[in-house]
Amino acid sequence: MANHKSALKRIRSNETRRVRNKYQHKTTRNAIKRLRELTDKKEAEALLPSVVSMLDKLAKNNVIHANKAANLKSGLTKHVAAI
């Protein structure tokens, strides 16, 4: 167990961040799955900007690697264009 006040605070803040990151990552993964399942081009084009925004936020906060976000965005954009 931590002995210093700052270490106790670090434990609390790490847990808060971990839970928030997990929630945002899972929500983004679900949005990506939903986008890949769509067959209507208009719906997919409407959902794409929000998914791209979610990926950018995850990459900015180092929840996922920037290259992974770019790879996913590229693949999703191609998918929507091909519908």
PDB file of N, CA and C in Angstrom:
ATOM      1  N   MET A   1       0.845  -1.183   0.000  1.00  0.00           N
ATOM      2  CA  MET A   1       0.000   0.000   0.000  1.00  0.00           C
ATOM      3  C   MET A   1       0.884   1.238   0.000  1.00  0.00           C
ATOM      4  N   ALA A   2       0.408   2.274  -0.672  1.00  0.00           N
ATOM      5  CA  ALA A   2       1.167   3.510  -0.765  1.00  0.00           C
ATOM      6  C   ALA A   2       1.235   4.208   0.591  1.00  0.00           C
ATOM      7  N   ASN A   3       2.344   4.870   0.829  1.00  0.00           N
ATOM      8  CA  ASN A   3       2.548   5.545   2.104  1.00  0.00           C
ATOM      9  C   ASN A   3       2.436   7.057   2.017  1.00  0.00           C
ATOM     10  N   HIS A   4       2.566   7.609   0.815  1.00  0.00           N
ATOM     11  CA  HIS A   4       2.557   9.058   0.663  1.00  0.00           C
ATOM     12  C   HIS A   4       1.214   9.542   0.162  1.00  0.00           C
ATOM     13  N   LYS A   5       0.876  10.762   0.562  1.00  0.00           N
ATOM     14  CA  LYS A   5      -0.395  11.351   0.158  1.00  0.00           C
ATOM     15  C   LYS A   5      -0.488  11.446  -1.362  1.00  0.00           C
ATOM     16  N   SER A   6       0.609  11.841  -1.984  1.00  0.00           N
ATOM     17  CA  SER A   6       0.607  11.988  -3.442  1.00  0.00           C
ATOM     18  C   SER A   6       0.446  10.635  -4.142  1.00  0.00           C
ATOM     19  N   ALA A   7       1.014   9.580  -3.558  1.00  0.00           N
ATOM     20  CA  ALA A   7       0.886   8.243  -4.138  1.00  0.00           C
ATOM     21  C   ALA A   7      -0.553   7.743  -4.032  1.00  0.00           C
ATOM     22  N   LEU A   8      -1.218   8.064  -2.923  1.00  0.00           N
ATOM     23  CA  LEU A   8      -2.625   7.692  -2.768  1.00  0.00           C
ATOM     24  C   LEU A   8      -3.484   8.413  -3.803  1.00  0.00           C
ATOM     25  N   LYS A   9      -3.189   9.683  -4.014  1.00  0.00           N
ATOM     26  CA  LYS A   9      -3.942  10.445  -5.011  1.00  0.00           C
ATOM     27  C   LYS A   9      -3.679   9.889  -6.406  1.00  0.00           C
ATOM     28  N   ARG A  10      -2.442   9.514  -6.677  1.00  0.00           N
ATOM     29  CA  ARG A  10      -2.088   8.951  -7.983  1.00  0.00           C
ATOM     30  C   ARG A  10      -2.870   7.657  -8.230  1.00  0.00           C
ATOM     31  N   ILE A  11      -3.022   6.839  -7.203  1.00  0.00           N
ATOM     32  CA  ILE A  11      -3.796   5.598  -7.332  1.00  0.00           C
ATOM     33  C   ILE A  11      -5.251   5.916  -7.683  1.00  0.00           C
ATOM     34  N   ARG A  12      -5.820   6.894  -7.000  1.00  0.00           N
ATOM     35  CA  ARG A  12      -7.212   7.271  -7.274  1.00  0.00           C
ATOM     36  C   ARG A  12      -7.375   7.828  -8.678  1.00  0.00           C
ATOM     37  N   SER A  13      -6.476   8.711  -9.083  1.00  0.00           N
ATOM     38  CA  SER A  13      -6.607   9.332 -10.407  1.00  0.00           C
ATOM     39  C   SER A  13      -6.349   8.322 -11.518  1.00  0.00           C
ATOM     40  N   ASN A  14      -5.408   7.385 -11.305  1.00  0.00           N
ATOM     41  CA  ASN A  14      -5.160   6.338 -12.299  1.00  0.00           C
ATOM     42  C   ASN A  14      -6.394   5.474 -12.507  1.00  0.00           C
ATOM     43  N   GLU A  15      -7.073   5.139 -11.430  1.00  0.00           N
ATOM     44  CA  GLU A  15      -8.280   4.317 -11.531  1.00  0.00           C
ATOM     45  C   GLU A  15      -9.382   5.064 -12.281  1.00  0.00           C
ATOM     46  N   THR A  16      -9.533   6.345 -11.989  1.00  0.00           N
ATOM     47  CA  THR A  16     -10.539   7.154 -12.672  1.00  0.00           C
ATOM     48  C   THR A  16     -10.250   7.204 -14.172  1.00  0.00           C
ATOM     49  N   ARG A  17      -8.990   7.434 -14.520  1.00  0.00           N
ATOM     50  CA  ARG A  17      -8.607   7.487 -15.934  1.00  0.00           C
ATOM     51  C   ARG A  17      -8.779   6.132 -16.609  1.00  0.00           C
ATOM     52  N   ARG A  18      -8.419   5.062 -15.895  1.00  0.00           N
ATOM     53  CA  ARG A  18      -8.535   3.718 -16.461  1.00  0.00           C
ATOM     54  C   ARG A  18      -9.980   3.403 -16.823  1.00  0.00           C
ATOM     55  N   VAL A  19     -10.887   3.729 -15.918  1.00  0.00           N
ATOM     56  CA  VAL A  19     -12.306   3.461 -16.160  1.00  0.00           C
ATOM     57  C   VAL A  19     -12.817   4.302 -17.331  1.00  0.00           C
ATOM     58  N   ARG A  20     -12.418   5.570 -17.374  1.00  0.00           N
ATOM     59  CA  ARG A  20     -12.860   6.456 -18.457  1.00  0.00           C
ATOM     60  C   ARG A  20     -12.312   5.981 -19.797  1.00  0.00           C
ATOM     61  N   ASN A  21     -11.020   5.613 -19.838  1.00  0.00           N
ATOM     62  CA  ASN A  21     -10.410   5.127 -21.080  1.00  0.00           C
ATOM     63  C   ASN A  21     -11.085   3.850 -21.560  1.00  0.00           C
ATOM     64  N   LYS A  22     -11.370   2.945 -20.627  1.00  0.00           N
ATOM     65  CA  LYS A  22     -12.012   1.683 -20.972  1.00  0.00           C
ATOM     66  C   LYS A  22     -13.393   1.943 -21.571  1.00  0.00           C
ATOM     67  N   TYR A  23     -14.149   2.849 -20.966  1.00  0.00           N
ATOM     68  CA  TYR A  23     -15.491   3.189 -21.461  1.00  0.00           C
ATOM     69  C   TYR A  23     -15.413   3.782 -22.866  1.00  0.00           C
ATOM     70  N   GLN A  24     -14.531   4.755 -23.056  1.00  0.00           N
ATOM     71  CA  GLN A  24     -14.420   5.413 -24.357  1.00  0.00           C
ATOM     72  C   GLN A  24     -13.939   4.442 -25.431  1.00  0.00           C
ATOM     73  N   HIS A  25     -12.994   3.569 -25.095  1.00  0.00           N
ATOM     74  CA  HIS A  25     -12.464   2.614 -26.059  1.00  0.00           C
ATOM     75  C   HIS A  25     -13.555   1.624 -26.472  1.00  0.00           C
ATOM     76  N   LYS A  26     -14.303   1.114 -25.504  1.00  0.00           N
ATOM     77  CA  LYS A  26     -15.365   0.153 -25.793  1.00  0.00           C
ATOM     78  C   LYS A  26     -16.469   0.810 -26.622  1.00  0.00           C
ATOM     79  N   THR A  27     -16.831   2.044 -26.288  1.00  0.00           N
ATOM     80  CA  THR A  27     -17.860   2.767 -27.032  1.00  0.00           C
ATOM     81  C   THR A  27     -17.435   2.968 -28.478  1.00  0.00           C
ATOM     82  N   THR A  28     -16.166   3.288 -28.686  1.00  0.00           N
ATOM     83  CA  THR A  28     -15.646   3.484 -30.042  1.00  0.00           C
ATOM     84  C   THR A  28     -15.657   2.181 -30.816  1.00  0.00           C
ATOM     85  N   ARG A  29     -15.241   1.099 -30.172  1.00  0.00           N
ATOM     86  CA  ARG A  29     -15.248  -0.205 -30.852  1.00  0.00           C
ATOM     87  C   ARG A  29     -16.663  -0.591 -31.270  1.00  0.00           C
ATOM     88  N   ASN A  30     -17.651  -0.330 -30.404  1.00  0.00           N
ATOM     89  CA  ASN A  30     -19.039  -0.631 -30.741  1.00  0.00           C
ATOM     90  C   ASN A  30     -19.515   0.229 -31.911  1.00  0.00           C
ATOM     91  N   ALA A  31     -19.112   1.492 -31.945  1.00  0.00           N
ATOM     92  CA  ALA A  31     -19.496   2.380 -33.038  1.00  0.00           C
ATOM     93  C   ALA A  31     -18.886   1.905 -34.356  1.00  0.00           C
ATOM     94  N   ILE A  32     -17.642   1.420 -34.299  1.00  0.00           N
ATOM     95  CA  ILE A  32     -16.980   0.906 -35.503  1.00  0.00           C
ATOM     96  C   ILE A  32     -17.731  -0.326 -36.012  1.00  0.00           C
ATOM     97  N   LYS A  33     -18.105  -1.228 -35.102  1.00  0.00           N
ATOM     98  CA  LYS A  33     -18.856  -2.417 -35.493  1.00  0.00           C
ATOM     99  C   LYS A  33     -20.184  -2.021 -36.133  1.00  0.00           C
ATOM    100  N   ARG A  34     -20.871  -1.053 -35.524  1.00  0.00           N
ATOM    101  CA  ARG A  34     -22.158  -0.595 -36.049  1.00  0.00           C
ATOM    102  C   ARG A  34     -21.985  -0.016 -37.450  1.00  0.00           C
ATOM    103  N   LEU A  35     -20.908   0.746 -37.655  1.00  0.00           N
ATOM    104  CA  LEU A  35     -20.648   1.351 -38.961  1.00  0.00           C
ATOM    105  C   LEU A  35     -20.357   0.280 -40.006  1.00  0.00           C
ATOM    106  N   ARG A  36     -19.601  -0.741 -39.633  1.00  0.00           N
ATOM    107  CA  ARG A  36     -19.267  -1.805 -40.590  1.00  0.00           C
ATOM    108  C   ARG A  36     -20.484  -2.647 -40.963  1.00  0.00           C
ATOM    109  N   GLU A  37     -21.484  -2.711 -40.081  1.00  0.00           N
ATOM    110  CA  GLU A  37     -22.672  -3.510 -40.348  1.00  0.00           C
ATOM    111  C   GLU A  37     -23.692  -2.782 -41.224  1.00  0.00           C
ATOM    112  N   LEU A  38     -23.567  -1.455 -41.335  1.00  0.00           N
ATOM    113  CA  LEU A  38     -24.547  -0.691 -42.106  1.00  0.00           C
ATOM    114  C   LEU A  38     -24.478  -1.028 -43.587  1.00  0.00           C
ATOM    115  N   THR A  39     -25.641  -1.050 -44.219  1.00  0.00           N
ATOM    116  CA  THR A  39     -25.707  -1.286 -45.668  1.00  0.00           C
ATOM    117  C   THR A  39     -26.232  -0.056 -46.397  1.00  0.00           C
ATOM    118  N   ASP A  40     -26.821   0.894 -45.660  1.00  0.00           N
ATOM    119  CA  ASP A  40     -27.331   2.122 -46.263  1.00  0.00           C
ATOM    120  C   ASP A  40     -26.213   3.169 -46.301  1.00  0.00           C
ATOM    121  N   LYS A  41     -25.923   3.656 -47.499  1.00  0.00           N
ATOM    122  CA  LYS A  41     -24.803   4.589 -47.664  1.00  0.00           C
ATOM    123  C   LYS A  41     -25.022   5.904 -46.923  1.00  0.00           C
ATOM    124  N   LYS A  42     -26.245   6.425 -46.938  1.00  0.00           N
ATOM    125  CA  LYS A  42     -26.522   7.703 -46.261  1.00  0.00           C
ATOM    126  C   LYS A  42     -26.302   7.596 -44.760  1.00  0.00           C
ATOM    127  N   GLU A  43     -26.780   6.499 -44.178  1.00  0.00           N
ATOM    128  CA  GLU A  43     -26.587   6.294 -42.734  1.00  0.00           C
ATOM    129  C   GLU A  43     -25.107   6.179 -42.406  1.00  0.00           C
ATOM    130  N   ALA A  44     -24.380   5.430 -43.233  1.00  0.00           N
ATOM    131  CA  ALA A  44     -22.947   5.232 -42.997  1.00  0.00           C
ATOM    132  C   ALA A  44     -22.196   6.559 -43.105  1.00  0.00           C
ATOM    133  N   GLU A  45     -22.536   7.366 -44.108  1.00  0.00           N
ATOM    134  CA  GLU A  45     -21.885   8.673 -44.269  1.00  0.00           C
ATOM    135  C   GLU A  45     -22.207   9.595 -43.111  1.00  0.00           C
ATOM    136  N   ALA A  46     -23.393   9.451 -42.535  1.00  0.00           N
ATOM    137  CA  ALA A  46     -23.776  10.284 -41.393  1.00  0.00           C
ATOM    138  C   ALA A  46     -23.029   9.865 -40.125  1.00  0.00           C
ATOM    139  N   LEU A  47     -22.771   8.557 -39.985  1.00  0.00           N
ATOM    140  CA  LEU A  47     -22.112   8.043 -38.777  1.00  0.00           C
ATOM    141  C   LEU A  47     -20.594   8.180 -38.830  1.00  0.00           C
ATOM    142  N   LEU A  48     -20.023   8.192 -40.036  1.00  0.00           N
ATOM    143  CA  LEU A  48     -18.564   8.203 -40.195  1.00  0.00           C
ATOM    144  C   LEU A  48     -17.864   9.358 -39.465  1.00  0.00           C
ATOM    145  N   PRO A  49     -18.327  10.615 -39.593  1.00  0.00           N
ATOM    146  CA  PRO A  49     -17.599  11.705 -38.903  1.00  0.00           C
ATOM    147  C   PRO A  49     -17.533  11.541 -37.384  1.00  0.00           C
ATOM    148  N   SER A  50     -18.593  11.017 -36.781  1.00  0.00           N
ATOM    149  CA  SER A  50     -18.563  10.848 -35.329  1.00  0.00           C
ATOM    150  C   SER A  50     -17.584   9.736 -34.931  1.00  0.00           C
ATOM    151  N   VAL A  51     -17.507   8.671 -35.727  1.00  0.00           N
ATOM    152  CA  VAL A  51     -16.569   7.586 -35.434  1.00  0.00           C
ATOM    153  C   VAL A  51     -15.131   8.069 -35.608  1.00  0.00           C
ATOM    154  N   VAL A  52     -14.894   8.847 -36.666  1.00  0.00           N
ATOM    155  CA  VAL A  52     -13.554   9.400 -36.905  1.00  0.00           C
ATOM    156  C   VAL A  52     -13.156  10.316 -35.741  1.00  0.00           C
ATOM    157  N   SER A  53     -14.098  11.109 -35.271  1.00  0.00           N
ATOM    158  CA  SER A  53     -13.832  11.992 -34.137  1.00  0.00           C
ATOM    159  C   SER A  53     -13.481  11.198 -32.887  1.00  0.00           C
ATOM    160  N   MET A  54     -14.204  10.108 -32.644  1.00  0.00           N
ATOM    161  CA  MET A  54     -13.919   9.263 -31.483  1.00  0.00           C
ATOM    162  C   MET A  54     -12.515   8.671 -31.576  1.00  0.00           C
ATOM    163  N   LEU A  55     -12.144   8.214 -32.772  1.00  0.00           N
ATOM    164  CA  LEU A  55     -10.808   7.646 -32.962  1.00  0.00           C
ATOM    165  C   LEU A  55      -9.727   8.697 -32.737  1.00  0.00           C
ATOM    166  N   ASP A  56      -9.960   9.905 -33.239  1.00  0.00           N
ATOM    167  CA  ASP A  56      -8.985  10.987 -33.046  1.00  0.00           C
ATOM    168  C   ASP A  56      -8.794  11.301 -31.565  1.00  0.00           C
ATOM    169  N   LYS A  57      -9.880  11.309 -30.806  1.00  0.00           N
ATOM    170  CA  LYS A  57      -9.787  11.594 -29.378  1.00  0.00           C
ATOM    171  C   LYS A  57      -9.014  10.500 -28.640  1.00  0.00           C
ATOM    172  N   LEU A  58      -9.274   9.239 -29.013  1.00  0.00           N
ATOM    173  CA  LEU A  58      -8.544   8.140 -28.381  1.00  0.00           C
ATOM    174  C   LEU A  58      -7.052   8.231 -28.685  1.00  0.00           C
ATOM    175  N   ALA A  59      -6.728   8.579 -29.924  1.00  0.00           N
ATOM    176  CA  ALA A  59      -5.319   8.690 -30.304  1.00  0.00           C
ATOM    177  C   ALA A  59      -4.658   9.872 -29.591  1.00  0.00           C
ATOM    178  N   LYS A  60      -5.386  10.978 -29.477  1.00  0.00           N
ATOM    179  CA  LYS A  60      -4.836  12.159 -28.818  1.00  0.00           C
ATOM    180  C   LYS A  60      -4.503  11.876 -27.359  1.00  0.00           C
ATOM    181  N   ASN A  61      -5.342  11.061 -26.712  1.00  0.00           N
ATOM    182  CA  ASN A  61      -5.127  10.741 -25.298  1.00  0.00           C
ATOM    183  C   ASN A  61      -4.305   9.470 -25.090  1.00  0.00           C
ATOM    184  N   ASN A  62      -3.699   8.959 -26.166  1.00  0.00           N
ATOM    185  CA  ASN A  62      -2.835   7.775 -26.111  1.00  0.00           C
ATOM    186  C   ASN A  62      -3.548   6.529 -25.602  1.00  0.00           C
ATOM    187  N   VAL A  63      -4.855   6.439 -25.823  1.00  0.00           N
ATOM    188  CA  VAL A  63      -5.565   5.210 -25.495  1.00  0.00           C
ATOM    189  C   VAL A  63      -5.260   4.185 -26.582  1.00  0.00           C
ATOM    190  N   ILE A  64      -5.214   4.647 -27.835  1.00  0.00           N
ATOM    191  CA  ILE A  64      -4.756   3.811 -28.945  1.00  0.00           C
ATOM    192  C   ILE A  64      -3.633   4.561 -29.651  1.00  0.00           C
ATOM    193  N   HIS A  65      -2.830   3.847 -30.403  1.00  0.00           N
ATOM    194  CA  HIS A  65      -1.713   4.459 -31.119  1.00  0.00           C
ATOM    195  C   HIS A  65      -2.245   5.291 -32.280  1.00  0.00           C
ATOM    196  N   ALA A  66      -1.573   6.366 -32.601  1.00  0.00           N
ATOM    197  CA  ALA A  66      -1.999   7.270 -33.676  1.00  0.00           C
ATOM    198  C   ALA A  66      -2.066   6.545 -35.018  1.00  0.00           C
ATOM    199  N   ASN A  67      -1.116   5.633 -35.256  1.00  0.00           N
ATOM    200  CA  ASN A  67      -1.123   4.896 -36.529  1.00  0.00           C
ATOM    201  C   ASN A  67      -2.307   3.945 -36.610  1.00  0.00           C
ATOM    202  N   LYS A  68      -2.696   3.360 -35.491  1.00  0.00           N
ATOM    203  CA  LYS A  68      -3.862   2.469 -35.473  1.00  0.00           C
ATOM    204  C   LYS A  68      -5.117   3.271 -35.789  1.00  0.00           C
ATOM    205  N   ALA A  69      -5.218   4.464 -35.217  1.00  0.00           N
ATOM    206  CA  ALA A  69      -6.376   5.313 -35.487  1.00  0.00           C
ATOM    207  C   ALA A  69      -6.428   5.676 -36.970  1.00  0.00           C
ATOM    208  N   ALA A  70      -5.279   6.021 -37.535  1.00  0.00           N
ATOM    209  CA  ALA A  70      -5.220   6.380 -38.944  1.00  0.00           C
ATOM    210  C   ALA A  70      -5.601   5.186 -39.817  1.00  0.00           C
ATOM    211  N   ASN A  71      -5.120   4.005 -39.438  1.00  0.00           N
ATOM    212  CA  ASN A  71      -5.420   2.782 -40.185  1.00  0.00           C
ATOM    213  C   ASN A  71      -6.923   2.488 -40.155  1.00  0.00           C
ATOM    214  N   LEU A  72      -7.528   2.606 -38.980  1.00  0.00           N
ATOM    215  CA  LEU A  72      -8.963   2.361 -38.847  1.00  0.00           C
ATOM    216  C   LEU A  72      -9.772   3.392 -39.636  1.00  0.00           C
ATOM    217  N   LYS A  73      -9.388   4.659 -39.543  1.00  0.00           N
ATOM    218  CA  LYS A  73     -10.110   5.708 -40.274  1.00  0.00           C
ATOM    219  C   LYS A  73     -10.048   5.464 -41.770  1.00  0.00           C
ATOM    220  N   SER A  74      -8.876   5.082 -42.262  1.00  0.00           N
ATOM    221  CA  SER A  74      -8.708   4.811 -43.681  1.00  0.00           C
ATOM    222  C   SER A  74      -9.593   3.648 -44.126  1.00  0.00           C
ATOM    223  N   GLY A  75      -9.569   2.579 -43.353  1.00  0.00           N
ATOM    224  CA  GLY A  75     -10.366   1.408 -43.694  1.00  0.00           C
ATOM    225  C   GLY A  75     -11.853   1.678 -43.662  1.00  0.00           C
ATOM    226  N   LEU A  76     -12.291   2.448 -42.662  1.00  0.00           N
ATOM    227  CA  LEU A  76     -13.715   2.765 -42.558  1.00  0.00           C
ATOM    228  C   LEU A  76     -14.162   3.686 -43.686  1.00  0.00           C
ATOM    229  N   THR A  77     -13.305   4.629 -44.062  1.00  0.00           N
ATOM    230  CA  THR A  77     -13.636   5.532 -45.161  1.00  0.00           C
ATOM    231  C   THR A  77     -13.762   4.753 -46.467  1.00  0.00           C
ATOM    232  N   LYS A  78     -12.859   3.819 -46.692  1.00  0.00           N
ATOM    233  CA  LYS A  78     -12.945   2.963 -47.883  1.00  0.00           C
ATOM    234  C   LYS A  78     -14.209   2.125 -47.866  1.00  0.00           C
ATOM    235  N   HIS A  79     -14.542   1.609 -46.688  1.00  0.00           N
ATOM    236  CA  HIS A  79     -15.739   0.781 -46.550  1.00  0.00           C
ATOM    237  C   HIS A  79     -16.997   1.579 -46.897  1.00  0.00           C
ATOM    238  N   VAL A  80     -17.085   2.792 -46.372  1.00  0.00           N
ATOM    239  CA  VAL A  80     -18.263   3.631 -46.624  1.00  0.00           C
ATOM    240  C   VAL A  80     -18.335   4.008 -48.098  1.00  0.00           C
ATOM    241  N   ALA A  81     -17.194   4.289 -48.700  1.00  0.00           N
ATOM    242  CA  ALA A  81     -17.174   4.656 -50.119  1.00  0.00           C
ATOM    243  C   ALA A  81     -17.594   3.486 -51.003  1.00  0.00           C
ATOM    244  N   ALA A  82     -17.330   2.267 -50.550  1.00  0.00           N
ATOM    245  CA  ALA A  82     -17.632   1.075 -51.355  1.00  0.00           C
ATOM    246  C   ALA A  82     -19.079   0.612 -51.240  1.00  0.00           C
ATOM    247  N   ILE A  83     -19.821   1.158 -50.276  1.00  0.00           N
ATOM    248  CA  ILE A  83     -21.215   0.720 -50.070  1.00  0.00           C
ATOM    249  C   ILE A  83     -22.065   1.133 -51.274  1.00  0.00           C
TER     250      ILE A  83
END
